[in-house]
Protein backbone atom coordinates (compact mmCIF):
# COMPACT_ATOMS: atom_id res chain seq x y z
CA UNK A 1 123.41 -71.10 31.38
CA UNK A 2 121.45 -71.89 28.30
CA UNK A 3 119.46 -74.56 30.16
CA UNK A 4 118.55 -72.06 32.93
CA UNK A 5 117.27 -69.54 30.36
CA UNK A 6 115.05 -72.17 28.78
CA UNK A 7 113.76 -73.07 32.23
CA UNK A 8 112.93 -69.44 33.03
CA UNK A 9 111.19 -68.96 29.69
CA UNK A 10 109.03 -72.06 30.27
CA UNK A 11 108.21 -70.88 33.77
CA UNK A 12 107.11 -67.46 32.43
CA UNK A 13 104.87 -69.10 29.82
CA UNK A 14 103.25 -71.26 32.51
CA UNK A 15 102.65 -68.22 34.72
CA UNK A 16 101.03 -66.29 31.86
CA UNK A 17 98.77 -69.23 31.05
CA UNK A 18 97.78 -69.55 34.71
CA UNK A 19 96.92 -65.86 34.89
CA UNK A 20 94.79 -66.07 31.76
CA UNK A 21 92.91 -69.10 33.08
CA UNK A 22 92.46 -67.49 36.51
CA UNK A 23 91.36 -64.08 35.18
CA UNK A 24 89.02 -65.23 32.39
CA UNK A 25 85.90 -65.88 34.57
CA UNK A 26 86.26 -62.50 36.27
CA UNK A 27 86.65 -60.76 32.95
CA UNK A 28 83.64 -62.59 31.59
CA UNK A 29 81.57 -61.72 34.67
CA UNK A 30 82.59 -58.08 34.44
CA UNK A 31 81.70 -57.88 30.76
CA UNK A 32 78.29 -59.47 31.44
CA UNK A 33 77.17 -56.69 33.81
CA UNK A 34 75.53 -53.65 32.26
CA UNK A 35 76.93 -50.19 32.84
CA UNK A 36 74.32 -47.58 33.83
CA UNK A 37 76.64 -44.56 33.85
CA UNK A 38 80.17 -43.40 33.14
CA UNK A 39 80.90 -43.20 36.84
CA UNK A 40 82.25 -46.35 38.49
CA UNK A 41 80.77 -45.76 42.00
CA UNK A 42 77.26 -45.49 40.53
CA UNK A 43 77.71 -48.64 38.44
CA UNK A 44 79.20 -50.50 41.39
CA UNK A 45 76.36 -49.54 43.73
CA UNK A 46 73.76 -50.41 41.07
CA UNK A 47 75.29 -53.86 40.49
CA UNK A 48 75.80 -54.54 44.19
CA UNK A 49 72.18 -53.70 45.10
CA UNK A 50 70.81 -55.97 42.36
CA UNK A 51 73.16 -58.79 43.33
CA UNK A 52 73.20 -58.61 47.12
CA UNK A 53 70.18 -56.75 48.55
CA UNK A 54 67.70 -58.92 50.48
CA UNK A 55 65.04 -56.42 49.41
CA UNK A 56 64.17 -57.11 45.77
CA UNK A 57 63.85 -54.10 43.48
CA UNK A 58 63.20 -53.63 39.77
CA UNK A 59 66.05 -52.12 37.75
CA UNK A 60 63.66 -49.43 36.51
CA UNK A 61 62.78 -48.40 40.07
CA UNK A 62 66.45 -48.33 41.03
CA UNK A 63 67.28 -45.97 38.16
CA UNK A 64 64.30 -43.74 39.01
CA UNK A 65 65.39 -43.63 42.64
CA UNK A 66 68.84 -42.46 41.59
CA UNK A 67 67.32 -39.78 39.35
CA UNK A 68 65.09 -38.54 42.19
CA UNK A 69 68.10 -38.50 44.50
CA UNK A 70 70.12 -36.35 42.11
CA UNK A 71 67.30 -33.78 41.89
CA UNK A 72 66.76 -33.80 45.66
CA UNK A 73 70.48 -33.15 46.25
CA UNK A 74 69.94 -29.65 44.80
CA UNK A 75 67.86 -28.77 47.85
CA UNK A 76 65.38 -27.02 45.56
CA UNK A 77 61.70 -27.95 46.08
CA UNK A 78 60.92 -26.95 42.48
CA UNK A 79 63.55 -29.18 40.85
CA UNK A 80 62.54 -32.81 40.61
CA UNK A 81 62.53 -35.96 38.54
CA UNK A 82 59.14 -37.02 37.19
CA UNK A 83 58.18 -40.41 35.84
CA UNK A 84 56.38 -40.57 32.51
CA UNK A 85 53.04 -40.74 34.36
CA UNK A 86 53.92 -37.89 36.72
CA UNK A 87 55.06 -35.71 33.82
CA UNK A 88 51.77 -36.33 32.01
CA UNK A 89 49.80 -35.38 35.12
CA UNK A 90 51.87 -32.19 35.51
CA UNK A 91 51.12 -31.13 31.93
CA UNK A 92 47.44 -31.93 32.42
CA UNK A 93 47.33 -29.65 35.47
CA UNK A 94 48.19 -26.68 33.22
CA UNK A 95 46.11 -27.80 30.26
CA UNK A 96 42.79 -26.24 29.31
CA UNK A 97 41.35 -29.71 28.75
CA UNK A 98 41.67 -32.80 30.93
CA UNK A 99 40.11 -36.24 30.87
CA UNK A 100 38.41 -37.30 34.07
CA UNK A 101 35.21 -37.14 36.08
CA UNK A 102 35.58 -33.56 37.36
CA UNK A 103 36.03 -33.95 41.09
CA UNK A 104 38.15 -32.20 43.72
CA UNK A 105 39.23 -34.41 46.62
CA UNK A 106 41.01 -33.72 49.90
CA UNK A 107 42.47 -36.12 52.43
CA UNK A 108 41.63 -35.78 56.12
CA UNK A 109 43.00 -38.29 58.65
CA UNK A 110 43.10 -41.08 56.09
CA UNK A 111 39.62 -40.30 54.72
CA UNK A 112 39.09 -39.06 51.16
CA UNK A 113 36.43 -36.36 51.05
CA UNK A 114 34.87 -34.72 48.00
CA UNK A 115 35.38 -30.96 48.15
CA UNK A 116 33.19 -30.27 45.16
CA UNK A 117 32.32 -31.75 41.77
CA UNK A 118 32.82 -29.48 38.75
CA UNK A 119 29.68 -27.97 37.30
CA UNK A 120 28.15 -30.20 34.57
CA UNK A 121 30.93 -32.78 35.08
CA UNK A 122 30.35 -36.57 34.97
CA UNK A 123 30.68 -36.60 38.77
CA UNK A 124 27.99 -33.96 39.27
CA UNK A 125 25.66 -35.66 36.78
CA UNK A 126 26.16 -39.00 38.56
CA UNK A 127 25.05 -37.42 41.85
CA UNK A 128 28.36 -36.88 43.67
CA UNK A 129 27.98 -34.18 46.34
CA UNK A 130 30.36 -32.13 48.50
CA UNK A 131 31.48 -34.03 51.64
CA UNK A 132 30.79 -37.46 50.20
CA UNK A 133 33.49 -39.79 51.49
CA UNK A 134 35.01 -42.08 48.85
CA UNK A 135 35.40 -45.56 50.34
CA UNK A 136 35.76 -47.75 47.22
CA UNK A 137 36.77 -47.29 43.57
CA UNK A 138 35.60 -49.99 41.17
CA UNK A 139 34.73 -52.17 44.16
CA UNK A 140 38.20 -51.92 45.76
CA UNK A 141 38.66 -50.20 49.12
CA UNK A 142 40.79 -47.05 49.18
CA UNK A 143 41.91 -47.50 52.76
CA UNK A 144 45.69 -47.18 53.06
CA UNK A 145 46.14 -45.41 49.72
CA UNK A 146 47.68 -41.97 49.31
CA UNK A 147 45.76 -39.15 47.63
CA UNK A 148 48.06 -39.50 44.61
CA UNK A 149 47.29 -43.24 44.41
CA UNK A 150 43.56 -42.56 44.58
CA UNK A 151 43.66 -39.94 41.82
CA UNK A 152 45.63 -42.33 39.62
CA UNK A 153 42.99 -45.03 40.06
CA UNK A 154 40.15 -42.62 39.32
CA UNK A 155 41.83 -41.29 36.18
CA UNK A 156 41.54 -43.20 32.95
CA UNK A 157 40.93 -42.97 29.23
CA UNK A 158 38.13 -40.92 27.72
CA UNK A 159 34.91 -42.93 27.35
CA UNK A 160 35.74 -45.52 30.03
CA UNK A 161 33.65 -45.85 33.19
CA UNK A 162 34.56 -45.71 36.85
CA UNK A 163 32.44 -46.63 39.86
CA UNK A 164 32.70 -44.81 43.20
CA UNK A 165 31.22 -46.04 46.46
CA UNK A 166 30.65 -43.03 48.71
CA UNK A 167 29.39 -42.62 52.24
CA UNK A 168 27.00 -39.68 52.62
CA UNK A 169 26.95 -38.55 56.23
CA UNK A 170 23.77 -36.46 55.91
CA UNK A 171 21.83 -39.53 54.77
CA UNK A 172 23.82 -42.07 56.83
CA UNK A 173 24.17 -44.47 53.90
CA UNK A 174 26.50 -45.72 51.17
CA UNK A 175 25.82 -45.03 47.49
CA UNK A 176 27.22 -46.69 44.38
CA UNK A 177 27.74 -44.07 41.65
CA UNK A 178 28.95 -44.90 38.13
CA UNK A 179 30.16 -42.30 35.66
CA UNK A 180 31.91 -42.12 32.29
CA UNK A 181 35.21 -40.29 32.01
CA UNK A 182 35.10 -37.40 29.55
CA UNK A 183 37.04 -34.33 28.39
CA UNK A 184 36.74 -31.49 30.92
CA UNK A 185 37.12 -27.88 29.86
CA UNK A 186 39.08 -26.00 32.51
CA UNK A 187 38.39 -22.27 32.75
CA UNK A 188 41.16 -20.29 34.43
CA UNK A 189 39.66 -16.80 34.08
CA UNK A 190 36.25 -15.63 35.29
CA UNK A 191 34.80 -12.13 35.49
CA UNK A 192 31.84 -10.04 36.53
CA UNK A 193 30.81 -6.40 36.44
CA UNK A 194 30.15 -4.70 39.80
CA UNK A 195 28.23 -1.39 39.93
CA UNK A 196 28.03 1.14 42.74
CA UNK A 197 26.79 4.75 42.71
CA UNK A 198 26.91 5.00 38.94
CA UNK A 199 30.41 3.57 38.68
CA UNK A 200 31.36 0.12 37.38
CA UNK A 201 34.33 -2.11 38.13
CA UNK A 202 35.43 -5.21 36.26
CA UNK A 203 36.27 -7.98 38.72
CA UNK A 204 38.50 -10.64 37.10
CA UNK A 205 39.80 -13.78 38.82
CA UNK A 206 42.78 -15.73 37.42
CA UNK A 207 43.08 -19.16 39.09
CA UNK A 208 46.36 -20.11 37.32
CA UNK A 209 48.32 -19.27 34.17
CA UNK A 210 47.57 -22.21 31.88
CA UNK A 211 47.85 -22.78 28.16
CA UNK A 212 44.87 -20.64 27.20
CA UNK A 213 44.73 -18.21 30.12
CA UNK A 214 45.79 -15.27 27.92
CA UNK A 215 42.97 -15.99 25.44
CA UNK A 216 40.44 -16.28 28.26
CA UNK A 217 41.76 -13.06 29.83
CA UNK A 218 41.36 -11.06 26.63
CA UNK A 219 37.91 -12.49 25.96
CA UNK A 220 36.69 -11.65 29.47
CA UNK A 221 38.25 -8.17 29.66
CA UNK A 222 37.09 -7.23 26.14
CA UNK A 223 33.54 -8.05 27.19
CA UNK A 224 33.90 -5.91 30.32
CA UNK A 225 35.31 -2.98 28.34
CA UNK A 226 32.40 -3.20 25.86
CA UNK A 227 29.94 -3.18 28.78
CA UNK A 228 31.70 -0.14 30.20
CA UNK A 229 33.95 -0.17 33.27
CA UNK A 230 35.74 2.58 35.20
CA UNK A 231 38.25 0.37 37.01
CA UNK A 232 39.64 -3.16 37.07
CA UNK A 233 40.24 -5.45 40.04
CA UNK A 234 42.42 -8.51 39.30
CA UNK A 235 42.22 -11.33 41.87
CA UNK A 236 45.18 -13.75 41.90
CA UNK A 237 44.76 -15.02 45.47
CA UNK A 238 45.78 -18.66 45.65
CA UNK A 239 47.12 -18.57 42.08
CA UNK A 240 50.14 -20.96 42.09
CA UNK A 241 51.60 -19.65 38.81
CA UNK A 242 52.00 -21.49 35.53
CA UNK A 243 53.38 -20.61 32.10
CA UNK A 244 55.53 -17.48 31.70
CA UNK A 245 54.29 -16.89 28.16
CA UNK A 246 50.72 -16.67 29.46
CA UNK A 247 51.49 -13.99 32.04
CA UNK A 248 53.56 -12.15 29.41
CA UNK A 249 50.50 -11.88 27.15
CA UNK A 250 48.23 -10.84 30.04
CA UNK A 251 50.54 -8.10 31.32
CA UNK A 252 51.03 -6.93 27.74
CA UNK A 253 47.43 -5.73 27.61
CA UNK A 254 48.05 -3.30 30.50
CA UNK A 255 51.60 -1.98 29.99
CA UNK A 256 52.95 0.18 27.19
CA UNK A 257 54.89 -1.37 24.34
CA UNK A 258 58.56 -1.78 25.21
CA UNK A 259 58.11 -1.50 28.99
CA UNK A 260 60.04 -4.16 30.92
CA UNK A 261 57.81 -6.58 32.80
CA UNK A 262 60.61 -8.80 34.20
CA UNK A 263 64.23 -9.89 33.86
CA UNK A 264 65.55 -13.41 33.34
CA UNK A 265 68.89 -14.33 34.88
CA UNK A 266 70.75 -17.46 33.75
CA UNK A 267 73.07 -19.63 35.93
CA UNK A 268 76.04 -17.42 34.97
CA UNK A 269 74.29 -14.28 36.19
CA UNK A 270 73.56 -12.82 32.76
CA UNK A 271 70.42 -10.65 32.79
CA UNK A 272 67.93 -10.59 29.92
CA UNK A 273 65.20 -7.90 29.93
CA UNK A 274 61.70 -9.04 28.92
CA UNK A 275 59.85 -6.18 27.21
CA UNK A 276 56.14 -5.95 26.48
CA UNK A 277 55.38 -6.72 22.86
CA UNK A 278 53.31 -4.42 20.69
CA UNK A 279 49.61 -5.21 20.35
CA UNK A 280 46.97 -3.97 17.97
CA UNK A 281 45.77 -0.54 19.03
CA UNK A 282 41.99 -0.27 19.34
CA UNK A 283 39.40 0.98 21.84
CA UNK A 284 40.05 -2.06 24.04
CA UNK A 285 43.82 -1.52 24.24
CA UNK A 286 43.40 2.21 24.94
CA UNK A 287 41.08 1.52 27.90
CA UNK A 288 43.22 -1.31 29.29
CA UNK A 289 46.38 0.81 29.29
CA UNK A 290 44.90 3.72 31.27
CA UNK A 291 42.11 2.30 33.45
CA UNK A 292 42.76 2.29 37.26
CA UNK A 293 43.80 -1.19 38.45
CA UNK A 294 44.06 -2.99 41.77
CA UNK A 295 45.67 -6.42 41.97
CA UNK A 296 44.54 -8.52 44.94
CA UNK A 297 47.02 -11.15 46.17
CA UNK A 298 47.73 -13.27 49.24
CA UNK A 299 50.40 -15.62 50.58
CA UNK A 300 49.16 -18.27 48.11
CA UNK A 301 49.95 -16.09 45.07
CA UNK A 302 53.17 -17.47 43.61
CA UNK A 303 55.51 -17.59 40.63
CA UNK A 304 53.78 -16.34 37.45
CA UNK A 305 51.16 -14.46 39.48
CA UNK A 306 54.05 -12.68 41.23
CA UNK A 307 55.54 -11.80 37.82
CA UNK A 308 52.24 -10.05 37.06
CA UNK A 309 52.16 -8.34 40.45
CA UNK A 310 55.81 -7.26 40.22
CA UNK A 311 55.36 -5.91 36.68
CA UNK A 312 52.29 -3.83 37.52
CA UNK A 313 53.78 -2.54 40.77
CA UNK A 314 57.23 -1.61 39.39
CA UNK A 315 55.69 0.17 36.39
CA UNK A 316 53.25 1.99 38.73
CA UNK A 317 50.37 0.51 36.75
CA UNK A 318 48.40 -0.91 39.69
CA UNK A 319 47.99 -0.78 43.44
CA UNK A 320 48.77 -4.15 45.04
CA UNK A 321 46.24 -5.06 47.75
CA UNK A 322 45.98 -7.92 50.24
CA UNK A 323 49.05 -9.48 51.86
CA UNK A 324 52.65 -10.31 50.90
CA UNK A 325 52.85 -12.93 48.13
CA UNK A 326 54.48 -16.35 48.41
CA UNK A 327 57.97 -15.54 47.14
CA UNK A 328 58.94 -17.90 44.28
CA UNK A 329 61.57 -16.27 42.10
CA UNK A 330 62.73 -19.14 39.91
CA UNK A 331 61.66 -20.44 36.50
CA UNK A 332 61.62 -24.16 35.73
CA UNK A 333 62.34 -25.99 32.48
CA UNK A 334 61.83 -29.69 31.78
CA UNK A 335 64.02 -32.06 29.77
CA UNK A 336 62.78 -35.39 28.45
CA UNK A 337 64.84 -38.46 29.35
CA UNK A 338 65.25 -41.68 27.38
CA UNK A 339 63.23 -43.69 29.93
CA UNK A 340 60.14 -41.56 29.22
CA UNK A 341 60.50 -39.50 32.39
CA UNK A 342 61.42 -35.84 32.66
CA UNK A 343 63.87 -33.81 34.71
CA UNK A 344 62.41 -30.51 35.89
CA UNK A 345 65.03 -27.98 36.98
CA UNK A 346 65.13 -24.38 38.14
CA UNK A 347 67.17 -23.02 35.23
CA UNK A 348 66.67 -19.26 35.66
CA UNK A 349 65.88 -16.65 38.26
CA UNK A 350 63.32 -14.02 37.39
CA UNK A 351 63.64 -10.48 38.72
CA UNK A 352 61.18 -7.60 38.86
CA UNK A 353 61.58 -4.64 36.46
CA UNK A 354 63.60 -3.01 39.27
CA UNK A 355 65.91 -6.06 39.22
CA UNK A 356 64.76 -7.32 42.62
CA UNK A 357 64.82 -11.06 43.32
CA UNK A 358 61.77 -11.80 45.46
CA UNK A 359 62.60 -15.47 46.15
CA UNK A 360 61.74 -16.31 49.76
CA UNK A 361 60.63 -12.70 50.30
CA UNK A 362 57.54 -12.15 48.19
CA UNK A 363 56.01 -8.94 46.88
CA UNK A 364 54.66 -6.67 49.57
CA UNK A 365 51.16 -5.24 49.20
CA UNK A 366 50.78 -1.45 48.91
CA UNK A 367 47.37 -1.62 50.54
CA UNK A 368 47.49 -4.23 53.29
CA UNK A 369 44.17 -5.98 53.92
CA UNK A 370 43.90 -8.95 56.26
CA UNK A 371 41.52 -11.76 55.34
CA UNK A 372 38.73 -12.45 57.83
CA UNK A 373 39.39 -15.49 60.04
CA UNK A 374 36.20 -17.27 59.03
CA UNK A 375 36.89 -16.74 55.31
CA UNK A 376 40.30 -18.40 55.71
CA UNK A 377 38.92 -21.50 57.43
CA UNK A 378 38.20 -24.58 55.33
CA UNK A 379 34.95 -26.52 55.92
CA UNK A 380 36.61 -29.71 57.19
CA UNK A 381 34.63 -33.00 57.32
CA UNK A 382 35.07 -33.60 61.06
CA UNK A 383 32.98 -36.22 62.81
CA UNK A 384 33.23 -36.89 66.55
CA UNK A 385 31.79 -36.12 69.95
CA UNK A 386 33.67 -34.01 72.50
CA UNK A 387 32.71 -32.71 75.93
CA UNK A 388 34.13 -30.66 78.80
CA UNK A 389 37.54 -32.01 79.82
CA UNK A 390 38.40 -33.50 76.40
CA UNK A 391 41.53 -32.55 74.47
CA UNK A 392 41.70 -33.01 70.67
CA UNK A 393 42.77 -31.30 67.43
CA UNK A 394 39.15 -31.33 66.26
CA UNK A 395 38.29 -29.16 69.26
CA UNK A 396 40.90 -26.59 68.12
CA UNK A 397 39.06 -26.34 64.78
CA UNK A 398 35.69 -25.91 66.53
CA UNK A 399 37.14 -23.22 68.81
CA UNK A 400 38.59 -21.34 65.82
CA UNK A 401 35.23 -21.38 64.04
CA UNK A 402 33.38 -20.15 67.14
CA UNK A 403 35.91 -17.37 67.72
CA UNK A 404 35.77 -16.28 64.07
CA UNK A 405 31.97 -16.12 64.32
CA UNK A 406 32.27 -13.76 67.29
CA UNK A 407 31.45 -16.12 70.16
CA UNK A 408 33.23 -15.67 73.50
CA UNK A 409 36.07 -18.20 73.23
CA UNK A 410 39.12 -17.63 75.43
CA UNK A 411 41.26 -20.53 74.24
CA UNK A 412 41.97 -22.28 70.94
CA UNK A 413 44.39 -24.96 72.15
CA UNK A 414 42.09 -27.97 71.85
CA UNK A 415 41.13 -28.19 75.54
CA UNK A 416 37.35 -28.28 75.98
CA UNK A 417 36.72 -25.99 78.97
CA UNK A 418 33.51 -24.51 80.39
CA UNK A 419 33.97 -21.35 78.34
CA UNK A 420 34.10 -23.43 75.13
CA UNK A 421 31.01 -25.36 76.25
CA UNK A 422 29.05 -22.10 76.71
CA UNK A 423 30.09 -20.94 73.24
CA UNK A 424 29.02 -24.26 71.67
CA UNK A 425 25.65 -24.07 73.43
CA UNK A 426 25.11 -20.46 72.28
CA UNK A 427 26.00 -21.41 68.68
CA UNK A 428 23.54 -24.31 68.68
CA UNK A 429 20.80 -22.15 70.13
CA UNK A 430 21.39 -19.50 67.45
CA UNK A 431 21.23 -22.18 64.75
CA UNK A 432 18.13 -23.70 66.36
CA UNK A 433 19.66 -27.15 66.49
CA UNK A 434 19.93 -29.74 69.26
CA UNK A 435 20.69 -27.57 72.33
CA UNK A 436 23.52 -29.22 74.25
CA UNK A 437 27.10 -28.20 74.96
CA UNK A 438 28.94 -30.95 73.07
CA UNK A 439 30.91 -30.68 69.85
CA UNK A 440 29.18 -33.50 67.99
CA UNK A 441 28.27 -34.46 64.43
CA UNK A 442 25.41 -31.95 64.38
CA UNK A 443 27.72 -29.16 65.56
CA UNK A 444 30.46 -29.88 63.01
CA UNK A 445 27.95 -30.24 60.19
CA UNK A 446 26.44 -26.87 61.07
CA UNK A 447 29.88 -25.20 61.20
CA UNK A 448 30.64 -26.57 57.71
CA UNK A 449 27.41 -25.16 56.34
CA UNK A 450 28.15 -21.80 57.98
CA UNK A 451 31.64 -21.61 56.48
CA UNK A 452 30.41 -22.64 53.02
CA UNK A 453 27.66 -19.99 53.13
CA UNK A 454 30.24 -17.43 54.21
CA UNK A 455 32.68 -18.32 51.43
CA UNK A 456 30.01 -18.27 48.74
CA UNK A 457 28.90 -14.76 49.68
CA UNK A 458 31.32 -12.03 48.56
CA UNK A 459 30.09 -9.61 51.22
CA UNK A 460 31.97 -11.68 53.83
CA UNK A 461 35.24 -11.47 51.85
CA UNK A 462 36.98 -8.60 53.69
CA UNK A 463 39.94 -8.43 51.31
CA UNK A 464 37.70 -8.19 48.26
CA UNK A 465 35.24 -5.71 49.78
CA UNK A 466 37.96 -3.35 51.06
CA UNK A 467 39.81 -3.54 47.73
CA UNK A 468 36.60 -2.72 45.84
CA UNK A 469 35.95 0.18 48.22
CA UNK A 470 39.48 1.49 47.68
CA UNK A 471 39.09 1.29 43.89
CA UNK A 472 35.65 2.92 43.84
CA UNK A 473 37.01 5.71 46.07
CA UNK A 474 40.00 6.20 43.71
CA UNK A 475 37.70 6.47 40.68
CA UNK A 476 35.51 9.09 42.35
CA UNK A 477 38.47 11.39 43.17
């Protein structure tokens, strides 16, 4: 009996030793792997991808991919993960000062076309012109890059140089242009005084609500008030929004102290009223709080510009003209992460002073004014040659331009029929250019020039002209 107990004890010791020897490499291997979260499935997937995937990936990229995935799971287009570089670019977009060469670029069928260089910018001084096509940056071709990639390459530190090789269609040649990156002052508010029959209206455009928009707004409107105005037209068409504190200061110049300009609602549904703060009472404030106002918006007016529209409309302080706004009723906050990136999340809903949530709905205009077709068209850099019987997207664009100009066009589906050919011929004859019925380089170049001339002349802006007429008529009553 005693001998059997000794035997069992020895056997147990041997088994324990075997288990320790067998388990030690696994334990060691497990301790050697790094944990990236407190959740086992995430750690397991992370380790498995690094160990077993035939597609190599950096650990940093893997983490960033997971962060992007978490934000995308929310199904909210305004919540997203941003890398350190993306976060910096986002802040720059709302800053009153940026470093760069001052150039607006659009992508069209894989080609990068200059929309316009900023006035007095390094790009303009170097000779960059609208419709130049960027083909190389610092000697390297841009073919295959995304617009975001291209902008990243063009950006750089203040004082450094960048070289652009552009193709200029009008001269049929390539040019090498070198410029030095510098600080660019971004103006978000512009104004002018418009007179008619002894009455004057202040016309103010707000392109976005940036860091210093409120300061620019007060500076511009104070000047207008000193010059003498009987009404104010605020244009926020295409304004994508921006900082809430900026719109709060702007709306505060037009509403009475204590009036609610919006409500904030947190994730638990708790509402917080946002009242207008008191401002120094002087001649400027007295005029701004009683002067007739029209706010002009369109489907591109979003977020902070809708806060302004909703505040003025709900408090019966302005007539809203144009079309229904975009419909963005959420407010985003950003949190810095330890990897240098940022998580941007929709943390609150904002509601109008009547506690209406306009998300996905927009703010309806009181005075509906449709934009003219030609004014809405963009002067695209199309180059090609199309004739009767052809079918192409470029032809759709040409047909839209011709129809907007008043030519007899019966179809805008991209099929080049005899009716389209007659319209093209009539257009060319009117422009006194090469008289044939093909949509060619000459035709598309002339349509671009026509659209640009139209956009640069306010008399062709139907929404603006009708809004001005409405305001002048209201003043005269």
